[in-house]
């Protein structure tokens, strides 16, 4: 993160909550000014019963509570074109 003032977090197949928490710790140490993160449109307290949503929710909370400016993308769907 040396020389950066913004980072983007887009993780998959990891413990996103734990990984994001660690990334946020380092970001604070390195003076990062903005974190962007890819979450999902269904990430909300009432949907935390589903483990993937709970993981994203916890990751979002780490970012929101970090004191660093943030931008959370909550896309509803990704579409890939196959040729």
C-alpha atoms as a PDB file:
ATOM      1  CA  UNK A   1       0.000   0.000   0.000  1.00  0.00           C
ATOM      2  CA  UNK A   2       3.028   2.270   0.029  1.00  0.00           C
ATOM      3  CA  UNK A   3       2.401   5.322  -2.121  1.00  0.00           C
ATOM      4  CA  UNK A   4      -1.349   4.684  -2.356  1.00  0.00           C
ATOM      5  CA  UNK A   5      -4.087   6.853  -0.921  1.00  0.00           C
ATOM      6  CA  UNK A   6      -7.014   4.717  -2.137  1.00  0.00           C
ATOM      7  CA  UNK A   7      -7.594   0.974  -2.165  1.00  0.00           C
ATOM      8  CA  UNK A   8     -10.303  -1.242  -3.639  1.00  0.00           C
ATOM      9  CA  UNK A   9     -11.317  -4.474  -1.907  1.00  0.00           C
ATOM     10  CA  UNK A  10     -12.932  -7.235  -3.961  1.00  0.00           C
ATOM     11  CA  UNK A  11     -12.486 -10.637  -2.354  1.00  0.00           C
ATOM     12  CA  UNK A  12     -13.953 -14.042  -3.051  1.00  0.00           C
ATOM     13  CA  UNK A  13     -13.650 -17.503  -1.571  1.00  0.00           C
ATOM     14  CA  UNK A  14     -12.041 -16.190   1.589  1.00  0.00           C
ATOM     15  CA  UNK A  15     -13.290 -15.271   5.003  1.00  0.00           C
ATOM     16  CA  UNK A  16     -14.130 -11.796   3.699  1.00  0.00           C
ATOM     17  CA  UNK A  17     -14.927 -10.413   7.131  1.00  0.00           C
ATOM     18  CA  UNK A  18     -11.579 -11.436   8.608  1.00  0.00           C
ATOM     19  CA  UNK A  19      -9.579 -10.497   5.509  1.00  0.00           C
ATOM     20  CA  UNK A  20     -11.270  -7.093   5.268  1.00  0.00           C
ATOM     21  CA  UNK A  21     -10.648  -6.427   8.953  1.00  0.00           C
ATOM     22  CA  UNK A  22      -6.924  -7.102   8.428  1.00  0.00           C
ATOM     23  CA  UNK A  23      -6.801  -4.961   5.277  1.00  0.00           C
ATOM     24  CA  UNK A  24      -8.488  -2.090   7.142  1.00  0.00           C
ATOM     25  CA  UNK A  25      -5.916  -2.323   9.972  1.00  0.00           C
ATOM     26  CA  UNK A  26      -3.045  -2.007   7.503  1.00  0.00           C
ATOM     27  CA  UNK A  27      -4.861   0.735   5.561  1.00  0.00           C
ATOM     28  CA  UNK A  28      -5.121   2.812   8.743  1.00  0.00           C
ATOM     29  CA  UNK A  29      -1.408   2.324   9.452  1.00  0.00           C
ATOM     30  CA  UNK A  30      -0.499   3.348   5.902  1.00  0.00           C
ATOM     31  CA  UNK A  31      -2.695   6.459   5.853  1.00  0.00           C
ATOM     32  CA  UNK A  32      -5.155   5.284   3.216  1.00  0.00           C
ATOM     33  CA  UNK A  33      -7.782   7.979   2.652  1.00  0.00           C
ATOM     34  CA  UNK A  34     -10.485   6.021   0.764  1.00  0.00           C
ATOM     35  CA  UNK A  35     -11.554   2.383   0.646  1.00  0.00           C
ATOM     36  CA  UNK A  36     -13.933   1.057  -1.998  1.00  0.00           C
ATOM     37  CA  UNK A  37     -15.537  -2.352  -1.540  1.00  0.00           C
ATOM     38  CA  UNK A  38     -17.743  -4.666  -3.603  1.00  0.00           C
ATOM     39  CA  UNK A  39     -20.648  -5.941  -1.510  1.00  0.00           C
ATOM     40  CA  UNK A  40     -24.152  -6.913  -2.633  1.00  0.00           C
ATOM     41  CA  UNK A  41     -27.645  -5.464  -2.869  1.00  0.00           C
ATOM     42  CA  UNK A  42     -29.057  -7.938  -0.328  1.00  0.00           C
ATOM     43  CA  UNK A  43     -26.514  -7.178   2.400  1.00  0.00           C
ATOM     44  CA  UNK A  44     -28.614  -6.055   5.365  1.00  0.00           C
ATOM     45  CA  UNK A  45     -29.101  -6.933   9.019  1.00  0.00           C
ATOM     46  CA  UNK A  46     -32.261  -8.949   8.299  1.00  0.00           C
ATOM     47  CA  UNK A  47     -30.453 -11.168   5.786  1.00  0.00           C
ATOM     48  CA  UNK A  48     -27.511 -12.103   8.008  1.00  0.00           C
ATOM     49  CA  UNK A  49     -28.940 -15.607   8.530  1.00  0.00           C
ATOM     50  CA  UNK A  50     -27.230 -16.521   5.238  1.00  0.00           C
ATOM     51  CA  UNK A  51     -23.500 -17.007   5.845  1.00  0.00           C
ATOM     52  CA  UNK A  52     -22.359 -15.178   2.701  1.00  0.00           C
ATOM     53  CA  UNK A  53     -24.465 -12.124   3.558  1.00  0.00           C
ATOM     54  CA  UNK A  54     -23.246 -12.220   7.157  1.00  0.00           C
ATOM     55  CA  UNK A  55     -19.664 -12.257   5.918  1.00  0.00           C
ATOM     56  CA  UNK A  56     -20.232  -9.261   3.623  1.00  0.00           C
ATOM     57  CA  UNK A  57     -22.125  -7.436   6.392  1.00  0.00           C
ATOM     58  CA  UNK A  58     -19.224  -7.873   8.834  1.00  0.00           C
ATOM     59  CA  UNK A  59     -16.747  -6.747   6.170  1.00  0.00           C
ATOM     60  CA  UNK A  60     -18.832  -3.622   5.501  1.00  0.00           C
ATOM     61  CA  UNK A  61     -18.953  -2.846   9.223  1.00  0.00           C
ATOM     62  CA  UNK A  62     -15.151  -3.053   9.475  1.00  0.00           C
ATOM     63  CA  UNK A  63     -14.894  -0.478   6.717  1.00  0.00           C
ATOM     64  CA  UNK A  64     -17.705   1.773   7.982  1.00  0.00           C
ATOM     65  CA  UNK A  65     -16.286   1.825  11.517  1.00  0.00           C
ATOM     66  CA  UNK A  66     -12.683   2.363  10.390  1.00  0.00           C
ATOM     67  CA  UNK A  67     -12.778   6.150  10.315  1.00  0.00           C
ATOM     68  CA  UNK A  68     -11.564   6.046   6.697  1.00  0.00           C
ATOM     69  CA  UNK A  69     -13.760   7.483   3.933  1.00  0.00           C
ATOM     70  CA  UNK A  70     -15.408   4.663   2.023  1.00  0.00           C
ATOM     71  CA  UNK A  71     -17.460   3.782  -1.037  1.00  0.00           C
ATOM     72  CA  UNK A  72     -19.429   0.539  -0.924  1.00  0.00           C
ATOM     73  CA  UNK A  73     -20.738  -0.829  -4.231  1.00  0.00           C
ATOM     74  CA  UNK A  74     -23.867  -2.954  -3.809  1.00  0.00           C
ATOM     75  CA  UNK A  75     -24.550  -4.390  -7.250  1.00  0.00           C
ATOM     76  CA  UNK A  76     -27.645  -6.483  -7.766  1.00  0.00           C
ATOM     77  CA  UNK A  77     -26.263  -8.697 -10.508  1.00  0.00           C
ATOM     78  CA  UNK A  78     -23.190  -9.205 -12.669  1.00  0.00           C
ATOM     79  CA  UNK A  79     -23.618 -10.404 -16.220  1.00  0.00           C
ATOM     80  CA  UNK A  80     -20.843 -11.975 -18.229  1.00  0.00           C
ATOM     81  CA  UNK A  81     -21.161 -12.551 -21.937  1.00  0.00           C
ATOM     82  CA  UNK A  82     -19.921 -15.888 -23.204  1.00  0.00           C
ATOM     83  CA  UNK A  83     -18.717 -16.202 -26.788  1.00  0.00           C
END
